[in-house]
C-alpha atoms as a PDB file:
ATOM      1  CA  UNK A   1      51.266 104.660  97.673  1.00  0.00           C
ATOM      2  CA  UNK A   2      54.102 105.896  95.638  1.00  0.00           C
ATOM      3  CA  UNK A   3      55.831 105.746  92.872  1.00  0.00           C
ATOM      4  CA  UNK A   4      59.742 104.609  92.553  1.00  0.00           C
ATOM      5  CA  UNK A   5      62.520 104.750  90.396  1.00  0.00           C
ATOM      6  CA  UNK A   6      65.392 102.251  91.188  1.00  0.00           C
ATOM      7  CA  UNK A   7      68.228 103.616  88.953  1.00  0.00           C
ATOM      8  CA  UNK A   8      70.205 100.225  89.197  1.00  0.00           C
ATOM      9  CA  UNK A   9      67.836  97.595  88.981  1.00  0.00           C
ATOM     10  CA  UNK A  10      70.275  94.212  88.909  1.00  0.00           C
ATOM     11  CA  UNK A  11      69.694  91.625  91.851  1.00  0.00           C
ATOM     12  CA  UNK A  12      69.256  93.550  94.706  1.00  0.00           C
ATOM     13  CA  UNK A  13      67.020  96.161  92.768  1.00  0.00           C
ATOM     14  CA  UNK A  14      64.931  93.434  91.720  1.00  0.00           C
ATOM     15  CA  UNK A  15      64.223  92.150  95.700  1.00  0.00           C
ATOM     16  CA  UNK A  16      63.940  95.636  96.238  1.00  0.00           C
ATOM     17  CA  UNK A  17      61.692  95.964  93.864  1.00  0.00           C
ATOM     18  CA  UNK A  18      59.667  93.048  94.920  1.00  0.00           C
ATOM     19  CA  UNK A  19      59.027  93.867  98.450  1.00  0.00           C
ATOM     20  CA  UNK A  20      58.012  97.522  97.425  1.00  0.00           C
ATOM     21  CA  UNK A  21      55.457  96.311  94.886  1.00  0.00           C
ATOM     22  CA  UNK A  22      54.318  93.791  97.652  1.00  0.00           C
ATOM     23  CA  UNK A  23      54.001  96.926  99.857  1.00  0.00           C
ATOM     24  CA  UNK A  24      51.433  98.331  97.107  1.00  0.00           C
ATOM     25  CA  UNK A  25      54.341 100.870  95.570  1.00  0.00           C
ATOM     26  CA  UNK A  26      54.395 100.743  91.809  1.00  0.00           C
ATOM     27  CA  UNK A  27      57.883 100.486  90.882  1.00  0.00           C
ATOM     28  CA  UNK A  28      60.183 101.412  87.661  1.00  0.00           C
ATOM     29  CA  UNK A  29      63.272  99.367  87.523  1.00  0.00           C
ATOM     30  CA  UNK A  30      66.540 100.664  84.929  1.00  0.00           C
ATOM     31  CA  UNK A  31      68.737  98.555  83.383  1.00  0.00           C
ATOM     32  CA  UNK A  32      70.970  99.407  80.848  1.00  0.00           C
ATOM     33  CA  UNK A  33      70.619  96.032  79.194  1.00  0.00           C
ATOM     34  CA  UNK A  34      66.878  95.149  76.854  1.00  0.00           C
ATOM     35  CA  UNK A  35      67.616  91.740  77.386  1.00  0.00           C
ATOM     36  CA  UNK A  36      66.861  92.369  81.095  1.00  0.00           C
ATOM     37  CA  UNK A  37      63.500  94.175  81.181  1.00  0.00           C
ATOM     38  CA  UNK A  38      61.895  90.821  81.920  1.00  0.00           C
ATOM     39  CA  UNK A  39      64.200  90.106  85.098  1.00  0.00           C
ATOM     40  CA  UNK A  40      62.529  93.704  86.726  1.00  0.00           C
ATOM     41  CA  UNK A  41      58.794  93.082  84.928  1.00  0.00           C
ATOM     42  CA  UNK A  42      59.283  89.219  86.564  1.00  0.00           C
ATOM     43  CA  UNK A  43      59.705  91.352  89.757  1.00  0.00           C
ATOM     44  CA  UNK A  44      56.893  93.245  89.596  1.00  0.00           C
ATOM     45  CA  UNK A  45      57.974  96.544  88.282  1.00  0.00           C
ATOM     46  CA  UNK A  46      57.953  98.339  85.006  1.00  0.00           C
ATOM     47  CA  UNK A  47      61.359  97.436  83.161  1.00  0.00           C
ATOM     48  CA  UNK A  48      62.822 100.390  81.496  1.00  0.00           C
ATOM     49  CA  UNK A  49      66.267 100.579  79.473  1.00  0.00           C
ATOM     50  CA  UNK A  50      68.342 103.358  80.353  1.00  0.00           C
ATOM     51  CA  UNK A  51      72.437 104.236  80.904  1.00  0.00           C
ATOM     52  CA  UNK A  52      72.476 106.162  84.264  1.00  0.00           C
ATOM     53  CA  UNK A  53      75.572 106.972  82.586  1.00  0.00           C
ATOM     54  CA  UNK A  54      73.268 109.321  80.134  1.00  0.00           C
ATOM     55  CA  UNK A  55      71.152 111.133  82.240  1.00  0.00           C
ATOM     56  CA  UNK A  56      68.301 111.992  79.978  1.00  0.00           C
ATOM     57  CA  UNK A  57      66.894 107.654  79.654  1.00  0.00           C
ATOM     58  CA  UNK A  58      67.003 108.774  83.482  1.00  0.00           C
ATOM     59  CA  UNK A  59      65.141 111.699  84.039  1.00  0.00           C
ATOM     60  CA  UNK A  60      62.792 110.689  81.011  1.00  0.00           C
ATOM     61  CA  UNK A  61      62.042 107.741  83.344  1.00  0.00           C
ATOM     62  CA  UNK A  62      60.772 109.863  86.325  1.00  0.00           C
ATOM     63  CA  UNK A  63      57.703 111.457  85.550  1.00  0.00           C
ATOM     64  CA  UNK A  64      54.944 110.693  88.048  1.00  0.00           C
ATOM     65  CA  UNK A  65      57.942 109.084  90.341  1.00  0.00           C
ATOM     66  CA  UNK A  66      57.905 110.132  93.951  1.00  0.00           C
ATOM     67  CA  UNK A  67      61.272 108.605  95.126  1.00  0.00           C
ATOM     68  CA  UNK A  68      64.458 107.604  93.564  1.00  0.00           C
ATOM     69  CA  UNK A  69      66.889 104.806  94.297  1.00  0.00           C
ATOM     70  CA  UNK A  70      69.885 105.127  93.200  1.00  0.00           C
ATOM     71  CA  UNK A  71      71.974 101.573  93.368  1.00  0.00           C
ATOM     72  CA  UNK A  72      75.226 102.028  92.138  1.00  0.00           C
ATOM     73  CA  UNK A  73      77.382 100.527  94.915  1.00  0.00           C
ATOM     74  CA  UNK A  74      78.242  97.701  92.894  1.00  0.00           C
ATOM     75  CA  UNK A  75      79.202  99.800  89.258  1.00  0.00           C
ATOM     76  CA  UNK A  76      82.746  99.807  89.274  1.00  0.00           C
ATOM     77  CA  UNK A  77      83.236 100.712  85.748  1.00  0.00           C
ATOM     78  CA  UNK A  78      81.575 103.913  85.974  1.00  0.00           C
ATOM     79  CA  UNK A  79      83.067 106.318  89.318  1.00  0.00           C
ATOM     80  CA  UNK A  80      81.011 109.365  87.788  1.00  0.00           C
ATOM     81  CA  UNK A  81      78.540 108.018  88.763  1.00  0.00           C
ATOM     82  CA  UNK A  82      79.193 108.639  92.404  1.00  0.00           C
ATOM     83  CA  UNK A  83      80.381 111.701  91.225  1.00  0.00           C
ATOM     84  CA  UNK A  84      79.505 114.050  88.332  1.00  0.00           C
ATOM     85  CA  UNK A  85      76.643 112.254  87.155  1.00  0.00           C
ATOM     86  CA  UNK A  86      74.751 111.386  90.749  1.00  0.00           C
ATOM     87  CA  UNK A  87      75.453 115.593  91.157  1.00  0.00           C
ATOM     88  CA  UNK A  88      73.947 116.367  87.746  1.00  0.00           C
ATOM     89  CA  UNK A  89      70.978 113.734  88.943  1.00  0.00           C
ATOM     90  CA  UNK A  90      70.151 115.566  92.042  1.00  0.00           C
ATOM     91  CA  UNK A  91      70.450 119.135  90.516  1.00  0.00           C
ATOM     92  CA  UNK A  92      67.435 117.800  88.249  1.00  0.00           C
ATOM     93  CA  UNK A  93      65.440 116.291  90.592  1.00  0.00           C
ATOM     94  CA  UNK A  94      64.882 119.954  91.639  1.00  0.00           C
ATOM     95  CA  UNK A  95      62.131 120.166  88.357  1.00  0.00           C
ATOM     96  CA  UNK A  96      60.615 117.111  88.527  1.00  0.00           C
ATOM     97  CA  UNK A  97      57.702 115.430  91.152  1.00  0.00           C
ATOM     98  CA  UNK A  98      60.550 113.860  92.479  1.00  0.00           C
ATOM     99  CA  UNK A  99      60.940 114.444  96.461  1.00  0.00           C
ATOM    100  CA  UNK A 100      63.465 111.962  98.147  1.00  0.00           C
ATOM    101  CA  UNK A 101      66.083 110.178  96.993  1.00  0.00           C
ATOM    102  CA  UNK A 102      68.030 107.019  98.467  1.00  0.00           C
ATOM    103  CA  UNK A 103      71.706 106.860  97.632  1.00  0.00           C
ATOM    104  CA  UNK A 104      73.589 102.963  98.352  1.00  0.00           C
ATOM    105  CA  UNK A 105      76.720 103.717  99.987  1.00  0.00           C
ATOM    106  CA  UNK A 106      77.734 100.465 100.193  1.00  0.00           C
ATOM    107  CA  UNK A 107      79.397  97.859  97.508  1.00  0.00           C
ATOM    108  CA  UNK A 108      81.955  97.070  95.957  1.00  0.00           C
ATOM    109  CA  UNK A 109      82.802 100.371  94.589  1.00  0.00           C
ATOM    110  CA  UNK A 110      86.078 102.090  96.133  1.00  0.00           C
ATOM    111  CA  UNK A 111      84.454 102.970  99.825  1.00  0.00           C
ATOM    112  CA  UNK A 112      86.363 107.192  98.616  1.00  0.00           C
ATOM    113  CA  UNK A 113      83.767 106.819  95.894  1.00  0.00           C
ATOM    114  CA  UNK A 114      81.090 105.831  97.927  1.00  0.00           C
ATOM    115  CA  UNK A 115      81.694 108.078 100.707  1.00  0.00           C
ATOM    116  CA  UNK A 116      82.121 111.008  97.648  1.00  0.00           C
ATOM    117  CA  UNK A 117      78.503 110.252  96.892  1.00  0.00           C
ATOM    118  CA  UNK A 118      76.986 110.469  99.993  1.00  0.00           C
ATOM    119  CA  UNK A 119      78.297 114.077 100.438  1.00  0.00           C
ATOM    120  CA  UNK A 120      77.148 114.954  97.335  1.00  0.00           C
ATOM    121  CA  UNK A 121      73.331 113.623  98.539  1.00  0.00           C
ATOM    122  CA  UNK A 122      73.802 115.418 101.830  1.00  0.00           C
ATOM    123  CA  UNK A 123      74.892 118.497  99.653  1.00  0.00           C
ATOM    124  CA  UNK A 124      71.780 118.216  98.028  1.00  0.00           C
ATOM    125  CA  UNK A 125      69.750 117.590 100.984  1.00  0.00           C
ATOM    126  CA  UNK A 126      71.204 120.848 102.227  1.00  0.00           C
ATOM    127  CA  UNK A 127      70.993 123.233  99.107  1.00  0.00           C
ATOM    128  CA  UNK A 128      67.715 121.899  97.489  1.00  0.00           C
ATOM    129  CA  UNK A 129      65.904 120.725 100.915  1.00  0.00           C
ATOM    130  CA  UNK A 130      65.246 117.203  99.413  1.00  0.00           C
ATOM    131  CA  UNK A 131      64.974 114.427 101.596  1.00  0.00           C
ATOM    132  CA  UNK A 132      67.652 111.324 101.442  1.00  0.00           C
ATOM    133  CA  UNK A 133      68.609 108.823 103.119  1.00  0.00           C
ATOM    134  CA  UNK A 134      72.172 107.434 102.254  1.00  0.00           C
ATOM    135  CA  UNK A 135      71.761 102.981 103.371  1.00  0.00           C
ATOM    136  CA  UNK A 136      75.626 102.611 103.899  1.00  0.00           C
ATOM    137  CA  UNK A 137      74.454  98.577 105.122  1.00  0.00           C
ATOM    138  CA  UNK A 138      76.810  96.120 102.990  1.00  0.00           C
ATOM    139  CA  UNK A 139      74.252  93.669 100.575  1.00  0.00           C
ATOM    140  CA  UNK A 140      73.904  90.611 102.809  1.00  0.00           C
ATOM    141  CA  UNK A 141      73.923  92.225 105.876  1.00  0.00           C
ATOM    142  CA  UNK A 142      70.276  93.308 105.763  1.00  0.00           C
ATOM    143  CA  UNK A 143      70.401  95.470 103.374  1.00  0.00           C
ATOM    144  CA  UNK A 144      67.202  94.831 101.717  1.00  0.00           C
ATOM    145  CA  UNK A 145      65.689  95.521 105.042  1.00  0.00           C
ATOM    146  CA  UNK A 146      67.753  98.586 105.277  1.00  0.00           C
ATOM    147  CA  UNK A 147      66.438  99.709 102.350  1.00  0.00           C
ATOM    148  CA  UNK A 148      63.068  99.163 102.595  1.00  0.00           C
ATOM    149  CA  UNK A 149      62.939 100.984 105.930  1.00  0.00           C
ATOM    150  CA  UNK A 150      64.608 104.028 104.298  1.00  0.00           C
ATOM    151  CA  UNK A 151      61.696 104.057 101.367  1.00  0.00           C
ATOM    152  CA  UNK A 152      59.229 104.216 104.140  1.00  0.00           C
ATOM    153  CA  UNK A 153      60.670 106.588 106.143  1.00  0.00           C
ATOM    154  CA  UNK A 154      60.897 108.763 103.231  1.00  0.00           C
ATOM    155  CA  UNK A 155      57.605 108.475 102.245  1.00  0.00           C
ATOM    156  CA  UNK A 156      56.138 108.811 105.997  1.00  0.00           C
END
């Protein structure tokens, strides 16, 4: 099985973590708030404090990781997570063990920002031959099934 990093392991991220752990994967989940680490660990994942606005913390969590899930569809206060920060992350992934990336392109963030983020991820796939999936299923509309399917598809 694989080690998976969920960047943005809030409510939906924890539900994804629980599914992935149940499937036999080792999962790390990030949160900006140390008080939420026990919630991530209750889902069976390793909780890590890392702010996606400061990629050094996120890249430090990539050791041994095969796949990254970038779950920022509700990160409305930080548009750079769908622009400059995301682009920088994709550039840095080349020099890590990460072999695939999933981008959440649905949520409460402005649809134009989500589309821009999806374009960045697809461009990274073309440029660096990183397998990617863009999941644009809205939360509550089969999101969990779409995400777990994307993970399993990329790992197959």
